[in-house]
């Protein structure tokens, strides 16, 4: 999820498909990086909320994007691979 936000720097509106997605979207909503939506009505309200508070979302996104490392997932995968190799 961080790769999506960090790369695009746009608010996210999401409908959860799995519990993991719900947790990620709640994390995003808590940080004002986007809004969790579970149905069409919530999506419409989310778009309205983001449009009316767009500068606040942009400020939060700018801070997130400036602190985001796009190599995070790559570095994590490298560490996991190294650990797995060491266990052999």
PDB file of N, CA and C in Angstrom:
ATOM      1  N   UNK A   1       0.829  -1.181   0.000  1.00  0.00           N
ATOM      2  CA  UNK A   1       0.000   0.000   0.000  1.00  0.00           C
ATOM      3  C   UNK A   1       0.879   1.251   0.000  1.00  0.00           C
ATOM      4  N   UNK A   2       1.975   1.191   0.738  1.00  0.00           N
ATOM      5  CA  UNK A   2       2.886   2.335   0.773  1.00  0.00           C
ATOM      6  C   UNK A   2       3.450   2.663  -0.586  1.00  0.00           C
ATOM      7  N   UNK A   3       3.704   1.619  -1.395  1.00  0.00           N
ATOM      8  CA  UNK A   3       4.235   1.844  -2.729  1.00  0.00           C
ATOM      9  C   UNK A   3       3.232   2.605  -3.584  1.00  0.00           C
ATOM     10  N   UNK A   4       1.956   2.312  -3.400  1.00  0.00           N
ATOM     11  CA  UNK A   4       0.917   3.014  -4.165  1.00  0.00           C
ATOM     12  C   UNK A   4       0.852   4.473  -3.751  1.00  0.00           C
ATOM     13  N   UNK A   5       0.817   4.714  -2.449  1.00  0.00           N
ATOM     14  CA  UNK A   5       0.713   6.087  -1.957  1.00  0.00           C
ATOM     15  C   UNK A   5       1.995   6.856  -2.227  1.00  0.00           C
ATOM     16  N   UNK A   6       3.142   6.247  -1.924  1.00  0.00           N
ATOM     17  CA  UNK A   6       4.423   6.921  -2.086  1.00  0.00           C
ATOM     18  C   UNK A   6       4.740   7.260  -3.523  1.00  0.00           C
ATOM     19  N   UNK A   7       4.370   6.385  -4.426  1.00  0.00           N
ATOM     20  CA  UNK A   7       4.677   6.615  -5.835  1.00  0.00           C
ATOM     21  C   UNK A   7       3.724   7.622  -6.472  1.00  0.00           C
ATOM     22  N   UNK A   8       2.461   7.595  -6.078  1.00  0.00           N
ATOM     23  CA  UNK A   8       1.459   8.435  -6.741  1.00  0.00           C
ATOM     24  C   UNK A   8       1.126   9.713  -5.996  1.00  0.00           C
ATOM     25  N   UNK A   9       1.312   9.730  -4.682  1.00  0.00           N
ATOM     26  CA  UNK A   9       1.015  10.901  -3.849  1.00  0.00           C
ATOM     27  C   UNK A   9      -0.395  11.442  -4.096  1.00  0.00           C
ATOM     28  N   UNK A  10      -1.353  10.534  -4.161  1.00  0.00           N
ATOM     29  CA  UNK A  10      -2.766  10.895  -4.311  1.00  0.00           C
ATOM     30  C   UNK A  10      -3.543  10.193  -3.199  1.00  0.00           C
ATOM     31  N   UNK A  11      -4.611  10.826  -2.699  1.00  0.00           N
ATOM     32  CA  UNK A  11      -5.429  10.164  -1.680  1.00  0.00           C
ATOM     33  C   UNK A  11      -6.007   8.850  -2.201  1.00  0.00           C
ATOM     34  N   UNK A  12      -6.093   7.871  -1.337  1.00  0.00           N
ATOM     35  CA  UNK A  12      -6.616   6.560  -1.695  1.00  0.00           C
ATOM     36  C   UNK A  12      -8.028   6.421  -1.157  1.00  0.00           C
ATOM     37  N   UNK A  13      -8.928   5.925  -1.994  1.00  0.00           N
ATOM     38  CA  UNK A  13     -10.263   5.544  -1.556  1.00  0.00           C
ATOM     39  C   UNK A  13     -10.351   4.052  -1.820  1.00  0.00           C
ATOM     40  N   UNK A  14     -10.660   3.281  -0.775  1.00  0.00           N
ATOM     41  CA  UNK A  14     -10.618   1.851  -0.982  1.00  0.00           C
ATOM     42  C   UNK A  14     -11.787   1.078  -0.419  1.00  0.00           C
ATOM     43  N   UNK A  15     -12.136   0.022  -1.130  1.00  0.00           N
ATOM     44  CA  UNK A  15     -13.106  -0.952  -0.659  1.00  0.00           C
ATOM     45  C   UNK A  15     -12.311  -2.202  -0.292  1.00  0.00           C
ATOM     46  N   UNK A  16     -12.385  -2.629   0.964  1.00  0.00           N
ATOM     47  CA  UNK A  16     -11.616  -3.811   1.361  1.00  0.00           C
ATOM     48  C   UNK A  16     -12.154  -5.086   0.717  1.00  0.00           C
ATOM     49  N   UNK A  17     -11.245  -5.945   0.317  1.00  0.00           N
ATOM     50  CA  UNK A  17     -11.610  -7.238  -0.242  1.00  0.00           C
ATOM     51  C   UNK A  17     -11.316  -8.323   0.785  1.00  0.00           C
ATOM     52  N   UNK A  18     -10.203  -8.201   1.478  1.00  0.00           N
ATOM     53  CA  UNK A  18      -9.805  -9.136   2.519  1.00  0.00           C
ATOM     54  C   UNK A  18      -9.555  -8.344   3.795  1.00  0.00           C
ATOM     55  N   UNK A  19      -9.473  -9.050   4.921  1.00  0.00           N
ATOM     56  CA  UNK A  19      -9.207  -8.384   6.205  1.00  0.00           C
ATOM     57  C   UNK A  19      -7.924  -7.582   6.165  1.00  0.00           C
ATOM     58  N   UNK A  20      -6.906  -8.110   5.489  1.00  0.00           N
ATOM     59  CA  UNK A  20      -5.625  -7.397   5.384  1.00  0.00           C
ATOM     60  C   UNK A  20      -5.816  -6.042   4.723  1.00  0.00           C
ATOM     61  N   UNK A  21      -6.642  -6.003   3.679  1.00  0.00           N
ATOM     62  CA  UNK A  21      -6.898  -4.738   2.990  1.00  0.00           C
ATOM     63  C   UNK A  21      -7.616  -3.766   3.908  1.00  0.00           C
ATOM     64  N   UNK A  22      -8.558  -4.265   4.702  1.00  0.00           N
ATOM     65  CA  UNK A  22      -9.267  -3.409   5.647  1.00  0.00           C
ATOM     66  C   UNK A  22      -8.281  -2.768   6.609  1.00  0.00           C
ATOM     67  N   UNK A  23      -7.362  -3.560   7.133  1.00  0.00           N
ATOM     68  CA  UNK A  23      -6.354  -3.023   8.060  1.00  0.00           C
ATOM     69  C   UNK A  23      -5.494  -1.960   7.392  1.00  0.00           C
ATOM     70  N   UNK A  24      -5.092  -2.202   6.166  1.00  0.00           N
ATOM     71  CA  UNK A  24      -4.262  -1.230   5.448  1.00  0.00           C
ATOM     72  C   UNK A  24      -5.044   0.061   5.192  1.00  0.00           C
ATOM     73  N   UNK A  25      -6.300  -0.080   4.804  1.00  0.00           N
ATOM     74  CA  UNK A  25      -7.115   1.106   4.522  1.00  0.00           C
ATOM     75  C   UNK A  25      -7.437   1.867   5.803  1.00  0.00           C
ATOM     76  N   UNK A  26      -7.603   1.162   6.931  1.00  0.00           N
ATOM     77  CA  UNK A  26      -7.799   1.845   8.213  1.00  0.00           C
ATOM     78  C   UNK A  26      -6.551   2.643   8.565  1.00  0.00           C
ATOM     79  N   UNK A  27      -5.371   2.064   8.332  1.00  0.00           N
ATOM     80  CA  UNK A  27      -4.089   2.741   8.593  1.00  0.00           C
ATOM     81  C   UNK A  27      -4.012   4.016   7.752  1.00  0.00           C
ATOM     82  N   UNK A  28      -4.403   3.907   6.491  1.00  0.00           N
ATOM     83  CA  UNK A  28      -4.392   5.061   5.583  1.00  0.00           C
ATOM     84  C   UNK A  28      -5.361   6.135   6.080  1.00  0.00           C
ATOM     85  N   UNK A  29      -6.564   5.723   6.472  1.00  0.00           N
ATOM     86  CA  UNK A  29      -7.582   6.672   6.935  1.00  0.00           C
ATOM     87  C   UNK A  29      -7.142   7.376   8.215  1.00  0.00           C
ATOM     88  N   UNK A  30      -6.514   6.633   9.130  1.00  0.00           N
ATOM     89  CA  UNK A  30      -6.047   7.227  10.385  1.00  0.00           C
ATOM     90  C   UNK A  30      -5.025   8.331  10.145  1.00  0.00           C
ATOM     91  N   UNK A  31      -4.264   8.214   9.079  1.00  0.00           N
ATOM     92  CA  UNK A  31      -3.218   9.185   8.771  1.00  0.00           C
ATOM     93  C   UNK A  31      -3.660  10.235   7.759  1.00  0.00           C
ATOM     94  N   UNK A  32      -4.950  10.243   7.424  1.00  0.00           N
ATOM     95  CA  UNK A  32      -5.514  11.192   6.463  1.00  0.00           C
ATOM     96  C   UNK A  32      -4.817  11.103   5.103  1.00  0.00           C
ATOM     97  N   UNK A  33      -4.505   9.865   4.705  1.00  0.00           N
ATOM     98  CA  UNK A  33      -3.918   9.623   3.398  1.00  0.00           C
ATOM     99  C   UNK A  33      -4.984   9.118   2.426  1.00  0.00           C
ATOM    100  N   UNK A  34      -6.153   8.869   2.944  1.00  0.00           N
ATOM    101  CA  UNK A  34      -7.246   8.364   2.141  1.00  0.00           C
ATOM    102  C   UNK A  34      -8.398   7.988   3.039  1.00  0.00           C
ATOM    103  N   UNK A  35      -9.379   7.304   2.471  1.00  0.00           N
ATOM    104  CA  UNK A  35     -10.593   6.966   3.200  1.00  0.00           C
ATOM    105  C   UNK A  35     -10.977   5.521   2.906  1.00  0.00           C
ATOM    106  N   UNK A  36     -11.385   4.823   3.962  1.00  0.00           N
ATOM    107  CA  UNK A  36     -11.902   3.469   3.834  1.00  0.00           C
ATOM    108  C   UNK A  36     -13.359   3.547   3.412  1.00  0.00           C
ATOM    109  N   UNK A  37     -13.722   2.829   2.368  1.00  0.00           N
ATOM    110  CA  UNK A  37     -15.113   2.781   1.908  1.00  0.00           C
ATOM    111  C   UNK A  37     -15.501   1.324   1.728  1.00  0.00           C
ATOM    112  N   UNK A  38     -16.729   1.011   2.113  1.00  0.00           N
ATOM    113  CA  UNK A  38     -17.193  -0.376   2.016  1.00  0.00           C
ATOM    114  C   UNK A  38     -18.354  -0.549   1.039  1.00  0.00           C
ATOM    115  N   UNK A  39     -18.886   0.568   0.539  1.00  0.00           N
ATOM    116  CA  UNK A  39     -19.985   0.474  -0.423  1.00  0.00           C
ATOM    117  C   UNK A  39     -20.022   1.746  -1.275  1.00  0.00           C
ATOM    118  N   UNK A  40     -20.932   1.768  -2.248  1.00  0.00           N
ATOM    119  CA  UNK A  40     -21.004   2.902  -3.182  1.00  0.00           C
ATOM    120  C   UNK A  40     -21.279   4.227  -2.478  1.00  0.00           C
ATOM    121  N   UNK A  41     -22.185   4.216  -1.516  1.00  0.00           N
ATOM    122  CA  UNK A  41     -22.524   5.451  -0.803  1.00  0.00           C
ATOM    123  C   UNK A  41     -21.298   6.001  -0.075  1.00  0.00           C
ATOM    124  N   UNK A  42     -20.507   5.117   0.544  1.00  0.00           N
ATOM    125  CA  UNK A  42     -19.305   5.563   1.242  1.00  0.00           C
ATOM    126  C   UNK A  42     -18.259   6.093   0.265  1.00  0.00           C
ATOM    127  N   UNK A  43     -18.208   5.525  -0.927  1.00  0.00           N
ATOM    128  CA  UNK A  43     -17.274   6.024  -1.942  1.00  0.00           C
ATOM    129  C   UNK A  43     -17.651   7.448  -2.339  1.00  0.00           C
ATOM    130  N   UNK A  44     -18.934   7.678  -2.579  1.00  0.00           N
ATOM    131  CA  UNK A  44     -19.395   9.027  -2.944  1.00  0.00           C
ATOM    132  C   UNK A  44     -19.048  10.006  -1.826  1.00  0.00           C
ATOM    133  N   UNK A  45     -19.327   9.629  -0.581  1.00  0.00           N
ATOM    134  CA  UNK A  45     -19.017  10.496   0.553  1.00  0.00           C
ATOM    135  C   UNK A  45     -17.506  10.706   0.702  1.00  0.00           C
ATOM    136  N   UNK A  46     -16.728   9.673   0.418  1.00  0.00           N
ATOM    137  CA  UNK A  46     -15.270   9.784   0.503  1.00  0.00           C
ATOM    138  C   UNK A  46     -14.739  10.786  -0.518  1.00  0.00           C
ATOM    139  N   UNK A  47     -15.251  10.707  -1.731  1.00  0.00           N
ATOM    140  CA  UNK A  47     -14.825  11.645  -2.777  1.00  0.00           C
ATOM    141  C   UNK A  47     -15.190  13.068  -2.379  1.00  0.00           C
ATOM    142  N   UNK A  48     -16.406  13.257  -1.862  1.00  0.00           N
ATOM    143  CA  UNK A  48     -16.829  14.590  -1.418  1.00  0.00           C
ATOM    144  C   UNK A  48     -15.929  15.107  -0.302  1.00  0.00           C
ATOM    145  N   UNK A  49     -15.605  14.229   0.664  1.00  0.00           N
ATOM    146  CA  UNK A  49     -14.759  14.632   1.790  1.00  0.00           C
ATOM    147  C   UNK A  49     -13.355  15.016   1.318  1.00  0.00           C
ATOM    148  N   UNK A  50     -12.796  14.205   0.449  1.00  0.00           N
ATOM    149  CA  UNK A  50     -11.446  14.509  -0.051  1.00  0.00           C
ATOM    150  C   UNK A  50     -11.454  15.807  -0.859  1.00  0.00           C
ATOM    151  N   UNK A  51     -12.484  15.997  -1.699  1.00  0.00           N
ATOM    152  CA  UNK A  51     -12.566  17.241  -2.477  1.00  0.00           C
ATOM    153  C   UNK A  51     -12.680  18.465  -1.577  1.00  0.00           C
ATOM    154  N   UNK A  52     -13.458  18.360  -0.507  1.00  0.00           N
ATOM    155  CA  UNK A  52     -13.648  19.530   0.358  1.00  0.00           C
ATOM    156  C   UNK A  52     -12.468  19.770   1.300  1.00  0.00           C
ATOM    157  N   UNK A  53     -11.638  18.762   1.514  1.00  0.00           N
ATOM    158  CA  UNK A  53     -10.478  18.892   2.409  1.00  0.00           C
ATOM    159  C   UNK A  53      -9.181  18.537   1.676  1.00  0.00           C
ATOM    160  N   UNK A  54      -9.150  18.821   0.375  1.00  0.00           N
ATOM    161  CA  UNK A  54      -8.043  18.350  -0.462  1.00  0.00           C
ATOM    162  C   UNK A  54      -6.679  18.857   0.008  1.00  0.00           C
ATOM    163  N   UNK A  55      -6.604  20.093   0.445  1.00  0.00           N
ATOM    164  CA  UNK A  55      -5.301  20.630   0.875  1.00  0.00           C
ATOM    165  C   UNK A  55      -4.772  19.885   2.105  1.00  0.00           C
ATOM    166  N   UNK A  56      -5.670  19.492   2.999  1.00  0.00           N
ATOM    167  CA  UNK A  56      -5.243  18.721   4.175  1.00  0.00           C
ATOM    168  C   UNK A  56      -4.681  17.368   3.753  1.00  0.00           C
ATOM    169  N   UNK A  57      -5.373  16.710   2.820  1.00  0.00           N
ATOM    170  CA  UNK A  57      -4.882  15.421   2.324  1.00  0.00           C
ATOM    171  C   UNK A  57      -3.546  15.591   1.608  1.00  0.00           C
ATOM    172  N   UNK A  58      -3.413  16.641   0.811  1.00  0.00           N
ATOM    173  CA  UNK A  58      -2.153  16.871   0.106  1.00  0.00           C
ATOM    174  C   UNK A  58      -1.001  17.116   1.070  1.00  0.00           C
ATOM    175  N   UNK A  59      -1.244  17.851   2.143  1.00  0.00           N
ATOM    176  CA  UNK A  59      -0.202  18.084   3.150  1.00  0.00           C
ATOM    177  C   UNK A  59       0.254  16.771   3.777  1.00  0.00           C
ATOM    178  N   UNK A  60      -0.711  15.937   4.161  1.00  0.00           N
ATOM    179  CA  UNK A  60      -0.378  14.633   4.773  1.00  0.00           C
ATOM    180  C   UNK A  60       0.353  13.749   3.772  1.00  0.00           C
ATOM    181  N   UNK A  61      -0.108  13.772   2.513  1.00  0.00           N
ATOM    182  CA  UNK A  61       0.534  12.958   1.479  1.00  0.00           C
ATOM    183  C   UNK A  61       1.946  13.441   1.179  1.00  0.00           C
ATOM    184  N   UNK A  62       2.145  14.740   1.186  1.00  0.00           N
ATOM    185  CA  UNK A  62       3.483  15.272   0.929  1.00  0.00           C
ATOM    186  C   UNK A  62       4.456  14.810   2.014  1.00  0.00           C
ATOM    187  N   UNK A  63       4.020  14.879   3.261  1.00  0.00           N
ATOM    188  CA  UNK A  63       4.865  14.416   4.362  1.00  0.00           C
ATOM    189  C   UNK A  63       5.170  12.932   4.208  1.00  0.00           C
ATOM    190  N   UNK A  64       4.134  12.135   3.928  1.00  0.00           N
ATOM    191  CA  UNK A  64       4.323  10.698   3.747  1.00  0.00           C
ATOM    192  C   UNK A  64       5.275  10.410   2.589  1.00  0.00           C
ATOM    193  N   UNK A  65       5.049  11.058   1.467  1.00  0.00           N
ATOM    194  CA  UNK A  65       5.863  10.828   0.271  1.00  0.00           C
ATOM    195  C   UNK A  65       7.318  11.215   0.503  1.00  0.00           C
ATOM    196  N   UNK A  66       7.545  12.314   1.209  1.00  0.00           N
ATOM    197  CA  UNK A  66       8.921  12.742   1.490  1.00  0.00           C
ATOM    198  C   UNK A  66       9.656  11.758   2.382  1.00  0.00           C
ATOM    199  N   UNK A  67       8.923  11.053   3.240  1.00  0.00           N
ATOM    200  CA  UNK A  67       9.537  10.093   4.154  1.00  0.00           C
ATOM    201  C   UNK A  67       9.497   8.664   3.628  1.00  0.00           C
ATOM    202  N   UNK A  68       8.890   8.466   2.463  1.00  0.00           N
ATOM    203  CA  UNK A  68       8.708   7.130   1.913  1.00  0.00           C
ATOM    204  C   UNK A  68       9.957   6.657   1.182  1.00  0.00           C
ATOM    205  N   UNK A  69      10.348   5.410   1.443  1.00  0.00           N
ATOM    206  CA  UNK A  69      11.449   4.796   0.721  1.00  0.00           C
ATOM    207  C   UNK A  69      10.877   3.748  -0.222  1.00  0.00           C
ATOM    208  N   UNK A  70      11.039   3.965  -1.506  1.00  0.00           N
ATOM    209  CA  UNK A  70      10.501   3.002  -2.473  1.00  0.00           C
ATOM    210  C   UNK A  70      11.299   1.703  -2.499  1.00  0.00           C
ATOM    211  N   UNK A  71      12.388   1.674  -1.766  1.00  0.00           N
ATOM    212  CA  UNK A  71      13.194   0.456  -1.708  1.00  0.00           C
ATOM    213  C   UNK A  71      12.829  -0.401  -0.504  1.00  0.00           C
ATOM    214  N   UNK A  72      11.812   0.007   0.264  1.00  0.00           N
ATOM    215  CA  UNK A  72      11.421  -0.721   1.468  1.00  0.00           C
ATOM    216  C   UNK A  72      11.069  -2.172   1.198  1.00  0.00           C
ATOM    217  N   UNK A  73      10.205  -2.411   0.221  1.00  0.00           N
ATOM    218  CA  UNK A  73       9.796  -3.779  -0.095  1.00  0.00           C
ATOM    219  C   UNK A  73      10.970  -4.580  -0.635  1.00  0.00           C
ATOM    220  N   UNK A  74      11.793  -3.958  -1.457  1.00  0.00           N
ATOM    221  CA  UNK A  74      12.956  -4.639  -2.024  1.00  0.00           C
ATOM    222  C   UNK A  74      13.945  -5.009  -0.909  1.00  0.00           C
ATOM    223  N   UNK A  75      14.174  -4.077   0.009  1.00  0.00           N
ATOM    224  CA  UNK A  75      15.087  -4.350   1.121  1.00  0.00           C
ATOM    225  C   UNK A  75      14.553  -5.455   2.026  1.00  0.00           C
ATOM    226  N   UNK A  76      13.246  -5.446   2.286  1.00  0.00           N
ATOM    227  CA  UNK A  76      12.635  -6.486   3.116  1.00  0.00           C
ATOM    228  C   UNK A  76      12.779  -7.849   2.454  1.00  0.00           C
ATOM    229  N   UNK A  77      12.507  -7.915   1.156  1.00  0.00           N
ATOM    230  CA  UNK A  77      12.641  -9.183   0.427  1.00  0.00           C
ATOM    231  C   UNK A  77      14.083  -9.687   0.472  1.00  0.00           C
ATOM    232  N   UNK A  78      15.040  -8.786   0.348  1.00  0.00           N
ATOM    233  CA  UNK A  78      16.452  -9.162   0.392  1.00  0.00           C
ATOM    234  C   UNK A  78      16.811  -9.747   1.758  1.00  0.00           C
ATOM    235  N   UNK A  79      16.349  -9.109   2.825  1.00  0.00           N
ATOM    236  CA  UNK A  79      16.636  -9.595   4.181  1.00  0.00           C
ATOM    237  C   UNK A  79      16.015 -10.972   4.399  1.00  0.00           C
ATOM    238  N   UNK A  80      14.771 -11.140   3.954  1.00  0.00           N
ATOM    239  CA  UNK A  80      14.101 -12.431   4.113  1.00  0.00           C
ATOM    240  C   UNK A  80      14.849 -13.515   3.349  1.00  0.00           C
ATOM    241  N   UNK A  81      15.253 -13.227   2.120  1.00  0.00           N
ATOM    242  CA  UNK A  81      16.003 -14.206   1.321  1.00  0.00           C
ATOM    243  C   UNK A  81      17.318 -14.580   1.994  1.00  0.00           C
ATOM    244  N   UNK A  82      18.012 -13.593   2.526  1.00  0.00           N
ATOM    245  CA  UNK A  82      19.278 -13.857   3.219  1.00  0.00           C
ATOM    246  C   UNK A  82      19.056 -14.733   4.445  1.00  0.00           C
ATOM    247  N   UNK A  83      18.001 -14.447   5.192  1.00  0.00           N
ATOM    248  CA  UNK A  83      17.683 -15.248   6.380  1.00  0.00           C
ATOM    249  C   UNK A  83      17.347 -16.688   5.985  1.00  0.00           C
ATOM    250  N   UNK A  84      16.564 -16.843   4.932  1.00  0.00           N
ATOM    251  CA  UNK A  84      16.217 -18.188   4.478  1.00  0.00           C
ATOM    252  C   UNK A  84      17.451 -18.960   4.008  1.00  0.00           C
ATOM    253  N   UNK A  85      18.350 -18.268   3.308  1.00  0.00           N
ATOM    254  CA  UNK A  85      19.587 -18.909   2.852  1.00  0.00           C
ATOM    255  C   UNK A  85      20.445 -19.336   4.032  1.00  0.00           C
ATOM    256  N   UNK A  86      20.494 -18.527   5.072  1.00  0.00           N
ATOM    257  CA  UNK A  86      21.288 -18.841   6.261  1.00  0.00           C
ATOM    258  C   UNK A  86      20.734 -20.018   7.044  1.00  0.00           C
ATOM    259  N   UNK A  87      19.441 -20.297   6.920  1.00  0.00           N
ATOM    260  CA  UNK A  87      18.800 -21.402   7.649  1.00  0.00           C
ATOM    261  C   UNK A  87      19.079 -22.754   6.992  1.00  0.00           C
ATOM    262  N   UNK A  88      19.532 -22.748   5.749  1.00  0.00           N
ATOM    263  CA  UNK A  88      19.774 -24.020   5.022  1.00  0.00           C
ATOM    264  C   UNK A  88      20.930 -24.782   5.600  1.00  0.00           C
TER     265      UNK A  88
END
